[in-house]
Amino acid sequence: MKLEALFNAVIVKPIEAEETQHGNIIVPDMGNEKNQTGEVISVGPGQSTITGEFVKTISSVGDVVVLPTQGFTKLPYDGEEYWVGPENQILAKINK
């Protein structure tokens, strides 16, 4: 079984943020709500507008994106955590 996005949805696998370390002391990132970074694993084909025009999605599988702190839904699946939401809520794409 495999997750597949529908309509204009994207499914993103979170990329773990690195902890800050000063010498032998690990500085925890507590209380700071940050945007989530992740890799797109599935993209829906697009969605029709109210006028009937079909708008294709522009994200691609493998894109590294920045998600908002709210708006995407956490989806546990097969022992992994994913985020699912509409493509137009992605804040940025990180180009390598």
PDB file of N, CA and C in Angstrom:
ATOM      1  N   MET A   1       0.836  -1.175   0.000  1.00  0.00           N
ATOM      2  CA  MET A   1       0.000   0.000   0.000  1.00  0.00           C
ATOM      3  C   MET A   1       0.885   1.244   0.000  1.00  0.00           C
ATOM      4  N   LYS A   2       0.398   2.278  -0.671  1.00  0.00           N
ATOM      5  CA  LYS A   2       1.164   3.500  -0.820  1.00  0.00           C
ATOM      6  C   LYS A   2       0.224   4.699  -0.696  1.00  0.00           C
ATOM      7  N   LEU A   3       0.687   5.769  -0.057  1.00  0.00           N
ATOM      8  CA  LEU A   3      -0.103   6.992   0.029  1.00  0.00           C
ATOM      9  C   LEU A   3      -0.107   7.707  -1.317  1.00  0.00           C
ATOM     10  N   GLU A   4      -1.274   8.176  -1.732  1.00  0.00           N
ATOM     11  CA  GLU A   4      -1.390   8.905  -2.984  1.00  0.00           C
ATOM     12  C   GLU A   4      -2.256  10.149  -2.756  1.00  0.00           C
ATOM     13  N   ALA A   5      -1.724  11.301  -3.124  1.00  0.00           N
ATOM     14  CA  ALA A   5      -2.461  12.558  -2.959  1.00  0.00           C
ATOM     15  C   ALA A   5      -3.527  12.697  -4.034  1.00  0.00           C
ATOM     16  N   LEU A   6      -4.633  13.332  -3.681  1.00  0.00           N
ATOM     17  CA  LEU A   6      -5.726  13.566  -4.614  1.00  0.00           C
ATOM     18  C   LEU A   6      -5.927  15.067  -4.815  1.00  0.00           C
ATOM     19  N   PHE A   7      -6.575  15.420  -5.909  1.00  0.00           N
ATOM     20  CA  PHE A   7      -6.912  16.814  -6.234  1.00  0.00           C
ATOM     21  C   PHE A   7      -5.661  17.692  -6.149  1.00  0.00           C
ATOM     22  N   ASN A   8      -5.696  18.771  -5.367  1.00  0.00           N
ATOM     23  CA  ASN A   8      -4.535  19.663  -5.285  1.00  0.00           C
ATOM     24  C   ASN A   8      -3.740  19.441  -3.988  1.00  0.00           C
ATOM     25  N   ALA A   9      -3.868  18.280  -3.400  1.00  0.00           N
ATOM     26  CA  ALA A   9      -3.182  17.975  -2.142  1.00  0.00           C
ATOM     27  C   ALA A   9      -1.743  17.523  -2.392  1.00  0.00           C
ATOM     28  N   VAL A  10      -0.902  17.738  -1.381  1.00  0.00           N
ATOM     29  CA  VAL A  10       0.459  17.216  -1.387  1.00  0.00           C
ATOM     30  C   VAL A  10       0.674  16.456  -0.089  1.00  0.00           C
ATOM     31  N   ILE A  11       1.493  15.423  -0.158  1.00  0.00           N
ATOM     32  CA  ILE A  11       1.881  14.662   1.025  1.00  0.00           C
ATOM     33  C   ILE A  11       3.370  14.876   1.211  1.00  0.00           C
ATOM     34  N   VAL A  12       3.742  15.307   2.412  1.00  0.00           N
ATOM     35  CA  VAL A  12       5.123  15.681   2.699  1.00  0.00           C
ATOM     36  C   VAL A  12       5.646  14.852   3.861  1.00  0.00           C
ATOM     37  N   LYS A  13       6.860  14.318   3.703  1.00  0.00           N
ATOM     38  CA  LYS A  13       7.527  13.598   4.788  1.00  0.00           C
ATOM     39  C   LYS A  13       8.460  14.589   5.479  1.00  0.00           C
ATOM     40  N   PRO A  14       8.282  14.821   6.778  1.00  0.00           N
ATOM     41  CA  PRO A  14       9.103  15.809   7.486  1.00  0.00           C
ATOM     42  C   PRO A  14      10.585  15.442   7.472  1.00  0.00           C
ATOM     43  N   ILE A  15      11.403  16.476   7.390  1.00  0.00           N
ATOM     44  CA  ILE A  15      12.852  16.318   7.533  1.00  0.00           C
ATOM     45  C   ILE A  15      13.183  16.769   8.946  1.00  0.00           C
ATOM     46  N   GLU A  16      13.839  15.907   9.695  1.00  0.00           N
ATOM     47  CA  GLU A  16      14.146  16.203  11.094  1.00  0.00           C
ATOM     48  C   GLU A  16      15.108  17.378  11.196  1.00  0.00           C
ATOM     49  N   ALA A  17      14.770  18.347  12.055  1.00  0.00           N
ATOM     50  CA  ALA A  17      15.641  19.495  12.300  1.00  0.00           C
ATOM     51  C   ALA A  17      16.806  19.059  13.190  1.00  0.00           C
ATOM     52  N   GLU A  18      17.967  19.634  12.910  1.00  0.00           N
ATOM     53  CA  GLU A  18      19.144  19.301  13.701  1.00  0.00           C
ATOM     54  C   GLU A  18      19.135  20.120  14.988  1.00  0.00           C
ATOM     55  N   GLU A  19      19.636  19.512  16.059  1.00  0.00           N
ATOM     56  CA  GLU A  19      19.730  20.212  17.329  1.00  0.00           C
ATOM     57  C   GLU A  19      20.988  21.072  17.333  1.00  0.00           C
ATOM     58  N   THR A  20      20.915  22.207  18.008  1.00  0.00           N
ATOM     59  CA  THR A  20      22.073  23.074  18.152  1.00  0.00           C
ATOM     60  C   THR A  20      22.930  22.535  19.280  1.00  0.00           C
ATOM     61  N   GLN A  21      24.252  22.512  19.059  1.00  0.00           N
ATOM     62  CA  GLN A  21      25.147  21.977  20.073  1.00  0.00           C
ATOM     63  C   GLN A  21      26.295  22.946  20.276  1.00  0.00           C
ATOM     64  N   HIS A  22      26.567  23.277  21.541  1.00  0.00           N
ATOM     65  CA  HIS A  22      27.685  24.136  21.918  1.00  0.00           C
ATOM     66  C   HIS A  22      28.620  23.293  22.775  1.00  0.00           C
ATOM     67  N   GLY A  23      29.742  22.886  22.211  1.00  0.00           N
ATOM     68  CA  GLY A  23      30.653  21.995  22.929  1.00  0.00           C
ATOM     69  C   GLY A  23      29.974  20.657  23.133  1.00  0.00           C
ATOM     70  N   ASN A  24      29.861  20.213  24.362  1.00  0.00           N
ATOM     71  CA  ASN A  24      29.191  18.955  24.684  1.00  0.00           C
ATOM     72  C   ASN A  24      27.758  19.174  25.135  1.00  0.00           C
ATOM     73  N   ILE A  25      27.284  20.407  25.076  1.00  0.00           N
ATOM     74  CA  ILE A  25      25.940  20.727  25.545  1.00  0.00           C
ATOM     75  C   ILE A  25      25.007  20.853  24.354  1.00  0.00           C
ATOM     76  N   ILE A  26      23.923  20.072  24.383  1.00  0.00           N
ATOM     77  CA  ILE A  26      22.905  20.151  23.345  1.00  0.00           C
ATOM     78  C   ILE A  26      21.863  21.161  23.799  1.00  0.00           C
ATOM     79  N   VAL A  27      21.622  22.170  22.956  1.00  0.00           N
ATOM     80  CA  VAL A  27      20.665  23.213  23.282  1.00  0.00           C
ATOM     81  C   VAL A  27      19.313  22.818  22.687  1.00  0.00           C
ATOM     82  N   PRO A  28      18.337  22.489  23.540  1.00  0.00           N
ATOM     83  CA  PRO A  28      17.025  22.089  23.016  1.00  0.00           C
ATOM     84  C   PRO A  28      16.293  23.282  22.409  1.00  0.00           C
ATOM     85  N   ASP A  29      15.485  23.008  21.412  1.00  0.00           N
ATOM     86  CA  ASP A  29      14.690  24.032  20.746  1.00  0.00           C
ATOM     87  C   ASP A  29      13.287  23.977  21.328  1.00  0.00           C
ATOM     88  N   MET A  30      13.127  24.547  22.532  1.00  0.00           N
ATOM     89  CA  MET A  30      11.862  24.432  23.245  1.00  0.00           C
ATOM     90  C   MET A  30      11.031  25.696  23.085  1.00  0.00           C
ATOM     91  N   GLY A  31       9.760  25.500  22.820  1.00  0.00           N
ATOM     92  CA  GLY A  31       8.842  26.610  22.806  1.00  0.00           C
ATOM     93  C   GLY A  31       8.878  27.464  21.549  1.00  0.00           C
ATOM     94  N   ASN A  32       9.806  27.207  20.674  1.00  0.00           N
ATOM     95  CA  ASN A  32       9.871  27.985  19.445  1.00  0.00           C
ATOM     96  C   ASN A  32       9.145  27.230  18.349  1.00  0.00           C
ATOM     97  N   GLU A  33       7.988  27.743  17.976  1.00  0.00           N
ATOM     98  CA  GLU A  33       7.215  27.101  16.918  1.00  0.00           C
ATOM     99  C   GLU A  33       7.811  27.529  15.582  1.00  0.00           C
ATOM    100  N   LYS A  34       8.301  26.566  14.833  1.00  0.00           N
ATOM    101  CA  LYS A  34       8.960  26.871  13.570  1.00  0.00           C
ATOM    102  C   LYS A  34       8.215  26.195  12.427  1.00  0.00           C
ATOM    103  N   ASN A  35       8.425  26.735  11.254  1.00  0.00           N
ATOM    104  CA  ASN A  35       7.852  26.115  10.067  1.00  0.00           C
ATOM    105  C   ASN A  35       8.518  24.766   9.842  1.00  0.00           C
ATOM    106  N   GLN A  36       7.759  23.813   9.344  1.00  0.00           N
ATOM    107  CA  GLN A  36       8.230  22.452   9.106  1.00  0.00           C
ATOM    108  C   GLN A  36       8.838  22.362   7.705  1.00  0.00           C
ATOM    109  N   THR A  37       9.974  21.706   7.588  1.00  0.00           N
ATOM    110  CA  THR A  37      10.593  21.443   6.294  1.00  0.00           C
ATOM    111  C   THR A  37      10.411  19.967   5.990  1.00  0.00           C
ATOM    112  N   GLY A  38      10.125  19.647   4.723  1.00  0.00           N
ATOM    113  CA  GLY A  38       9.930  18.253   4.366  1.00  0.00           C
ATOM    114  C   GLY A  38      10.090  18.009   2.882  1.00  0.00           C
ATOM    115  N   GLU A  39      10.057  16.743   2.535  1.00  0.00           N
ATOM    116  CA  GLU A  39      10.191  16.319   1.137  1.00  0.00           C
ATOM    117  C   GLU A  39       8.847  15.828   0.630  1.00  0.00           C
ATOM    118  N   VAL A  40       8.453  16.329  -0.534  1.00  0.00           N
ATOM    119  CA  VAL A  40       7.184  15.945  -1.141  1.00  0.00           C
ATOM    120  C   VAL A  40       7.299  14.499  -1.628  1.00  0.00           C
ATOM    121  N   ILE A  41       6.354  13.642  -1.192  1.00  0.00           N
ATOM    122  CA  ILE A  41       6.378  12.243  -1.630  1.00  0.00           C
ATOM    123  C   ILE A  41       5.239  11.909  -2.578  1.00  0.00           C
ATOM    124  N   SER A  42       4.198  12.767  -2.618  1.00  0.00           N
ATOM    125  CA  SER A  42       3.077  12.543  -3.527  1.00  0.00           C
ATOM    126  C   SER A  42       2.381  13.868  -3.797  1.00  0.00           C
ATOM    127  N   VAL A  43       1.960  14.052  -5.053  1.00  0.00           N
ATOM    128  CA  VAL A  43       1.275  15.281  -5.461  1.00  0.00           C
ATOM    129  C   VAL A  43       0.036  14.897  -6.250  1.00  0.00           C
ATOM    130  N   GLY A  44      -1.088  15.517  -5.918  1.00  0.00           N
ATOM    131  CA  GLY A  44      -2.314  15.290  -6.677  1.00  0.00           C
ATOM    132  C   GLY A  44      -2.221  15.942  -8.052  1.00  0.00           C
ATOM    133  N   PRO A  45      -3.089  15.555  -8.981  1.00  0.00           N
ATOM    134  CA  PRO A  45      -3.013  16.065 -10.354  1.00  0.00           C
ATOM    135  C   PRO A  45      -3.431  17.522 -10.495  1.00  0.00           C
ATOM    136  N   GLY A  46      -4.292  18.012  -9.632  1.00  0.00           N
ATOM    137  CA  GLY A  46      -4.791  19.382  -9.727  1.00  0.00           C
ATOM    138  C   GLY A  46      -6.261  19.431  -9.391  1.00  0.00           C
ATOM    139  N   GLN A  47      -6.892  20.577  -9.684  1.00  0.00           N
ATOM    140  CA  GLN A  47      -8.283  20.750  -9.306  1.00  0.00           C
ATOM    141  C   GLN A  47      -8.956  21.713 -10.271  1.00  0.00           C
ATOM    142  N   SER A  48     -10.234  21.518 -10.483  1.00  0.00           N
ATOM    143  CA  SER A  48     -11.012  22.415 -11.340  1.00  0.00           C
ATOM    144  C   SER A  48     -11.438  23.647 -10.553  1.00  0.00           C
ATOM    145  N   THR A  49     -11.434  24.790 -11.239  1.00  0.00           N
ATOM    146  CA  THR A  49     -11.902  26.029 -10.614  1.00  0.00           C
ATOM    147  C   THR A  49     -13.416  26.095 -10.725  1.00  0.00           C
ATOM    148  N   ILE A  50     -13.994  27.132 -10.163  1.00  0.00           N
ATOM    149  CA  ILE A  50     -15.440  27.296 -10.206  1.00  0.00           C
ATOM    150  C   ILE A  50     -15.942  27.523 -11.636  1.00  0.00           C
ATOM    151  N   THR A  51     -15.057  28.015 -12.512  1.00  0.00           N
ATOM    152  CA  THR A  51     -15.444  28.250 -13.910  1.00  0.00           C
ATOM    153  C   THR A  51     -15.218  27.027 -14.784  1.00  0.00           C
ATOM    154  N   GLY A  52     -14.685  25.963 -14.201  1.00  0.00           N
ATOM    155  CA  GLY A  52     -14.471  24.726 -14.936  1.00  0.00           C
ATOM    156  C   GLY A  52     -13.076  24.569 -15.507  1.00  0.00           C
ATOM    157  N   GLU A  53     -12.221  25.556 -15.312  1.00  0.00           N
ATOM    158  CA  GLU A  53     -10.842  25.466 -15.796  1.00  0.00           C
ATOM    159  C   GLU A  53     -10.045  24.554 -14.869  1.00  0.00           C
ATOM    160  N   PHE A  54      -9.219  23.658 -15.454  1.00  0.00           N
ATOM    161  CA  PHE A  54      -8.424  22.736 -14.649  1.00  0.00           C
ATOM    162  C   PHE A  54      -7.055  23.365 -14.366  1.00  0.00           C
ATOM    163  N   VAL A  55      -6.693  23.454 -13.108  1.00  0.00           N
ATOM    164  CA  VAL A  55      -5.410  24.021 -12.698  1.00  0.00           C
ATOM    165  C   VAL A  55      -4.534  22.882 -12.193  1.00  0.00           C
ATOM    166  N   LYS A  56      -3.437  22.624 -12.907  1.00  0.00           N
ATOM    167  CA  LYS A  56      -2.512  21.553 -12.523  1.00  0.00           C
ATOM    168  C   LYS A  56      -1.655  21.989 -11.343  1.00  0.00           C
ATOM    169  N   THR A  57      -1.210  21.036 -10.562  1.00  0.00           N
ATOM    170  CA  THR A  57      -0.290  21.326  -9.471  1.00  0.00           C
ATOM    171  C   THR A  57       1.102  21.580 -10.055  1.00  0.00           C
ATOM    172  N   ILE A  58       1.911  22.358  -9.330  1.00  0.00           N
ATOM    173  CA  ILE A  58       3.247  22.679  -9.826  1.00  0.00           C
ATOM    174  C   ILE A  58       4.353  22.022  -9.002  1.00  0.00           C
ATOM    175  N   SER A  59       4.021  21.471  -7.849  1.00  0.00           N
ATOM    176  CA  SER A  59       5.011  20.773  -7.030  1.00  0.00           C
ATOM    177  C   SER A  59       5.315  19.413  -7.644  1.00  0.00           C
ATOM    178  N   SER A  60       6.497  18.902  -7.343  1.00  0.00           N
ATOM    179  CA  SER A  60       6.914  17.599  -7.857  1.00  0.00           C
ATOM    180  C   SER A  60       7.395  16.719  -6.721  1.00  0.00           C
ATOM    181  N   VAL A  61       7.300  15.429  -6.919  1.00  0.00           N
ATOM    182  CA  VAL A  61       7.834  14.483  -5.945  1.00  0.00           C
ATOM    183  C   VAL A  61       9.335  14.731  -5.833  1.00  0.00           C
ATOM    184  N   GLY A  62       9.825  14.807  -4.600  1.00  0.00           N
ATOM    185  CA  GLY A  62      11.246  15.050  -4.364  1.00  0.00           C
ATOM    186  C   GLY A  62      11.559  16.494  -4.006  1.00  0.00           C
ATOM    187  N   ASP A  63      10.620  17.416  -4.238  1.00  0.00           N
ATOM    188  CA  ASP A  63      10.835  18.814  -3.861  1.00  0.00           C
ATOM    189  C   ASP A  63      10.975  18.914  -2.349  1.00  0.00           C
ATOM    190  N   VAL A  64      11.892  19.780  -1.895  1.00  0.00           N
ATOM    191  CA  VAL A  64      12.014  20.075  -0.468  1.00  0.00           C
ATOM    192  C   VAL A  64      11.288  21.397  -0.255  1.00  0.00           C
ATOM    193  N   VAL A  65      10.295  21.381   0.634  1.00  0.00           N
ATOM    194  CA  VAL A  65       9.419  22.535   0.816  1.00  0.00           C
ATOM    195  C   VAL A  65       9.350  22.956   2.279  1.00  0.00           C
ATOM    196  N   VAL A  66       8.900  24.194   2.473  1.00  0.00           N
ATOM    197  CA  VAL A  66       8.675  24.738   3.811  1.00  0.00           C
ATOM    198  C   VAL A  66       7.168  24.855   3.998  1.00  0.00           C
ATOM    199  N   LEU A  67       6.660  24.269   5.070  1.00  0.00           N
ATOM    200  CA  LEU A  67       5.223  24.270   5.365  1.00  0.00           C
ATOM    201  C   LEU A  67       4.924  25.257   6.482  1.00  0.00           C
ATOM    202  N   PRO A  68       3.705  25.778   6.521  1.00  0.00           N
ATOM    203  CA  PRO A  68       3.331  26.682   7.612  1.00  0.00           C
ATOM    204  C   PRO A  68       3.226  25.926   8.937  1.00  0.00           C
ATOM    205  N   THR A  69       3.240  26.691  10.040  1.00  0.00           N
ATOM    206  CA  THR A  69       3.130  26.054  11.357  1.00  0.00           C
ATOM    207  C   THR A  69       1.742  25.466  11.576  1.00  0.00           C
ATOM    208  N   GLN A  70       0.732  25.991  10.863  1.00  0.00           N
ATOM    209  CA  GLN A  70      -0.624  25.456  10.947  1.00  0.00           C
ATOM    210  C   GLN A  70      -1.191  25.339   9.539  1.00  0.00           C
ATOM    211  N   GLY A  71      -2.146  24.456   9.358  1.00  0.00           N
ATOM    212  CA  GLY A  71      -2.806  24.342   8.062  1.00  0.00           C
ATOM    213  C   GLY A  71      -2.650  22.980   7.423  1.00  0.00           C
ATOM    214  N   PHE A  72      -1.572  22.282   7.710  1.00  0.00           N
ATOM    215  CA  PHE A  72      -1.393  20.930   7.201  1.00  0.00           C
ATOM    216  C   PHE A  72      -1.797  19.949   8.296  1.00  0.00           C
ATOM    217  N   THR A  73      -2.276  18.786   7.899  1.00  0.00           N
ATOM    218  CA  THR A  73      -2.749  17.771   8.837  1.00  0.00           C
ATOM    219  C   THR A  73      -1.677  16.704   9.018  1.00  0.00           C
ATOM    220  N   LYS A  74      -1.387  16.390  10.281  1.00  0.00           N
ATOM    221  CA  LYS A  74      -0.428  15.325  10.590  1.00  0.00           C
ATOM    222  C   LYS A  74      -1.090  13.990  10.298  1.00  0.00           C
ATOM    223  N   LEU A  75      -0.408  13.125   9.562  1.00  0.00           N
ATOM    224  CA  LEU A  75      -0.967  11.834   9.177  1.00  0.00           C
ATOM    225  C   LEU A  75       0.015  10.715   9.504  1.00  0.00           C
ATOM    226  N   PRO A  76      -0.219   9.976  10.597  1.00  0.00           N
ATOM    227  CA  PRO A  76       0.621   8.811  10.864  1.00  0.00           C
ATOM    228  C   PRO A  76       0.199   7.674   9.928  1.00  0.00           C
ATOM    229  N   TYR A  77       1.167   7.071   9.266  1.00  0.00           N
ATOM    230  CA  TYR A  77       0.865   5.983   8.333  1.00  0.00           C
ATOM    231  C   TYR A  77       2.033   5.008   8.306  1.00  0.00           C
ATOM    232  N   ASP A  78       1.753   3.756   8.556  1.00  0.00           N
ATOM    233  CA  ASP A  78       2.740   2.678   8.476  1.00  0.00           C
ATOM    234  C   ASP A  78       3.989   2.976   9.317  1.00  0.00           C
ATOM    235  N   GLY A  79       3.777   3.511  10.524  1.00  0.00           N
ATOM    236  CA  GLY A  79       4.882   3.782  11.431  1.00  0.00           C
ATOM    237  C   GLY A  79       5.662   5.047  11.117  1.00  0.00           C
ATOM    238  N   GLU A  80       5.265   5.812  10.127  1.00  0.00           N
ATOM    239  CA  GLU A  80       5.929   7.061   9.748  1.00  0.00           C
ATOM    240  C   GLU A  80       4.960   8.219   9.955  1.00  0.00           C
ATOM    241  N   GLU A  81       5.497   9.430  10.015  1.00  0.00           N
ATOM    242  CA  GLU A  81       4.657  10.620  10.132  1.00  0.00           C
ATOM    243  C   GLU A  81       4.744  11.423   8.838  1.00  0.00           C
ATOM    244  N   TYR A  82       3.591  11.861   8.359  1.00  0.00           N
ATOM    245  CA  TYR A  82       3.512  12.664   7.139  1.00  0.00           C
ATOM    246  C   TYR A  82       2.644  13.874   7.414  1.00  0.00           C
ATOM    247  N   TRP A  83       2.720  14.872   6.521  1.00  0.00           N
ATOM    248  CA  TRP A  83       1.858  16.046   6.570  1.00  0.00           C
ATOM    249  C   TRP A  83       1.102  16.110   5.261  1.00  0.00           C
ATOM    250  N   VAL A  84      -0.211  16.380   5.329  1.00  0.00           N
ATOM    251  CA  VAL A  84      -1.051  16.448   4.142  1.00  0.00           C
ATOM    252  C   VAL A  84      -1.792  17.781   4.142  1.00  0.00           C
ATOM    253  N   GLY A  85      -1.802  18.434   2.978  1.00  0.00           N
ATOM    254  CA  GLY A  85      -2.511  19.706   2.873  1.00  0.00           C
ATOM    255  C   GLY A  85      -2.562  20.193   1.444  1.00  0.00           C
ATOM    256  N   PRO A  86      -3.248  21.301   1.216  1.00  0.00           N
ATOM    257  CA  PRO A  86      -3.360  21.845  -0.135  1.00  0.00           C
ATOM    258  C   PRO A  86      -2.040  22.463  -0.600  1.00  0.00           C
ATOM    259  N   GLU A  87      -1.763  22.296  -1.877  1.00  0.00           N
ATOM    260  CA  GLU A  87      -0.501  22.783  -2.431  1.00  0.00           C
ATOM    261  C   GLU A  87      -0.337  24.290  -2.270  1.00  0.00           C
ATOM    262  N   ASN A  88      -1.426  25.038  -2.372  1.00  0.00           N
ATOM    263  CA  ASN A  88      -1.301  26.494  -2.322  1.00  0.00           C
ATOM    264  C   ASN A  88      -0.944  27.028  -0.937  1.00  0.00           C
ATOM    265  N   GLN A  89      -0.839  26.159   0.066  1.00  0.00           N
ATOM    266  CA  GLN A  89      -0.418  26.608   1.389  1.00  0.00           C
ATOM    267  C   GLN A  89       1.075  26.376   1.641  1.00  0.00           C
ATOM    268  N   ILE A  90       1.775  25.779   0.684  1.00  0.00           N
ATOM    269  CA  ILE A  90       3.230  25.617   0.819  1.00  0.00           C
ATOM    270  C   ILE A  90       3.847  27.010   0.770  1.00  0.00           C
ATOM    271  N   LEU A  91       4.736  27.304   1.720  1.00  0.00           N
ATOM    272  CA  LEU A  91       5.325  28.626   1.816  1.00  0.00           C
ATOM    273  C   LEU A  91       6.487  28.840   0.847  1.00  0.00           C
ATOM    274  N   ALA A  92       7.312  27.818   0.659  1.00  0.00           N
ATOM    275  CA  ALA A  92       8.492  27.975  -0.190  1.00  0.00           C
ATOM    276  C   ALA A  92       9.018  26.618  -0.638  1.00  0.00           C
ATOM    277  N   LYS A  93       9.786  26.660  -1.717  1.00  0.00           N
ATOM    278  CA  LYS A  93      10.481  25.470  -2.231  1.00  0.00           C
ATOM    279  C   LYS A  93      11.962  25.759  -2.073  1.00  0.00           C
ATOM    280  N   ILE A  94      12.702  24.796  -1.523  1.00  0.00           N
ATOM    281  CA  ILE A  94      14.135  24.980  -1.315  1.00  0.00           C
ATOM    282  C   ILE A  94      14.863  24.325  -2.484  1.00  0.00           C
ATOM    283  N   ASN A  95      15.538  25.142  -3.280  1.00  0.00           N
ATOM    284  CA  ASN A  95      16.315  24.639  -4.411  1.00  0.00           C
ATOM    285  C   ASN A  95      17.729  24.316  -3.943  1.00  0.00           C
ATOM    286  N   LYS A  96      18.224  23.186  -4.389  1.00  0.00           N
ATOM    287  CA  LYS A  96      19.584  22.769  -3.976  1.00  0.00           C
ATOM    288  C   LYS A  96      20.619  23.316  -4.913  1.00  0.00           C
TER     289      LYS A  96
END
